[in-house]
Structure formats: C-alpha cells, structure tokens
Amino acid sequence: MVFPQLGCPSSASLKKKKYFFAVEGQDGTGKQTQATALVEALKKNGLRVLKVATPAYGSKACYLLERWRNKELDVGNEYAIASLYAHDRLAVALDLVAPALLADSDYDGVVADRWTASNIAHCGGRILNGHETQVKEFEKFLAWVTQFEHDLLGIQRPINLVLDVSAENSERLARARATDMDKVENTVVAMKQAKTVYDLMCVRDPNSYWKIKCQSDDGKLLPQEKITGNLFDRVVNYMWGIE
C-alpha cells in the first residue's frame, strides 16, 4: 500500500504530548489489518510509532486467559473474565506502552490493536445483551472496568478509533475467513452485542470514541485502502491540532 506524502510536519514539530490510539470494533471489522496499515502510513510520513496488540497470546500474563478461552478454566462471571483481559493488558502497558509514551522515548506515539474498550464492548455487551432492563448492570460494569483498568492498575487511556462496520458485514467477513462455522455461529450474537456497546460509547463519550467510516451510504464496505485513509486523516488532523 503506497501513501502519498501529505506535507505533515516533522515529528520535531509535534506537541510534546505523546499520542496513544487504539483500533477497536467487533469481531470481523478488520482491526488487525487496519492497525497495521495505519502504523505503516504514519511511519511513511515520518512518525515513529509503536504497534501493540492485546491479548498478547503466548505470554505469561496471558496464561489464565488462554486457559479460559480454551475452556480449560471456569472463572465465573463477566467481571472475572474482564479481569483476565485486564491482567494481560497490564503487562503490555508496563512493558511496551508506558516506556514508549515517556517524554524522552524514541516514539511519537502508540497504536494498539484492541485495548480497554474491548473489555467494555465484549464483556459489557454480554451483560447488556440487548435488554433495557440490564442497563443499570451495564453501567455498573462500565464504572467498575474503567476504575479497575485505568485508576487502580494505571493502564493508559487511548483515543479509541472504532471501525464502523455493520453487524451484518462483520458477520459476512467472519464467515468468509472461517474454517469452523460453528465458532462463527457462536460469535454472531457477540458481534451484535459488542456493536451495540461501541455505538453507545461513541455517543456518550465522543472525545474518546471516534467512529471511523468503513461503509458507503448504501452499506457496502469501503476498500481497505480507503478505510486506512480515513483512519490516517483523523489521526493526523488531531495530532497537528486541525480538529
């Protein structure tokens, strides 16, 4: 993928603040692809960017989480599940993100493939489950996971770049790449639940959750390069104070 030089100022002219963005969205939205493409685009325009991803499968911090995902461990409710994801994220935050965001680091910023918002959307989505009667329980969970991850554990708060893909399109993409169709069937409900929460968070916290256009007005997915361009434009406009 080739990106034109957009006349961005050099990294030396950036604000002293380091930038932290997380690419988010329900399963099937292309988070890994777009996070990687965004980092490549920023680097080609002279920025030094670190890419991280959570969960960090294979790491010691991810051991219990992987056991739960493999159905080898029963940890109980959504709070316990969210704590496993948070524990994995804490290791990435301490080992990689925190050093990169120090004022004297070699990096201008960090881009994450998933962060705390994934806990909110996926675990919170299962609590909300499309029922208005569960709103209070969701609000309770949202307050808890925010306090737990950011205030207690000190995990950094990013700006969340939410890939705005319909549940129908994300389901179609997941089916196209899947070899285990039973797994996809089990994931469809979770996709819709997470999509509902991401949409909710974009409305209630627009400073921290930005919708990134991924579809045309008639519902067709945009080309990957166009989506990356939308991400890139939004990020650099913010970094240089254009918006």
Foldseek 3Di string as FASTA:
>chain_A
DDDDQPPFDALVPFDLFAAEEEEDAFAQLCLVVLLVLLCVVVVVNHFFEAEEEPPPPPDPLLVVVVCVVVVNDDQDALVSNLVSRLSSLLVCQVPPQVQQRDSPHPGRYYYYHDDLLVSLLQRLLVQPLVDPVSVVVSVVVVVVSCCVRCVVSNRDQHQYEYEDADLVNSLVSCVVPDPDVVVSVVRSSSNNSSNVRLVVCCVVPVVRRPYQYQADPVRHGDPSVVSSVSVNVVVSCVRVVVD
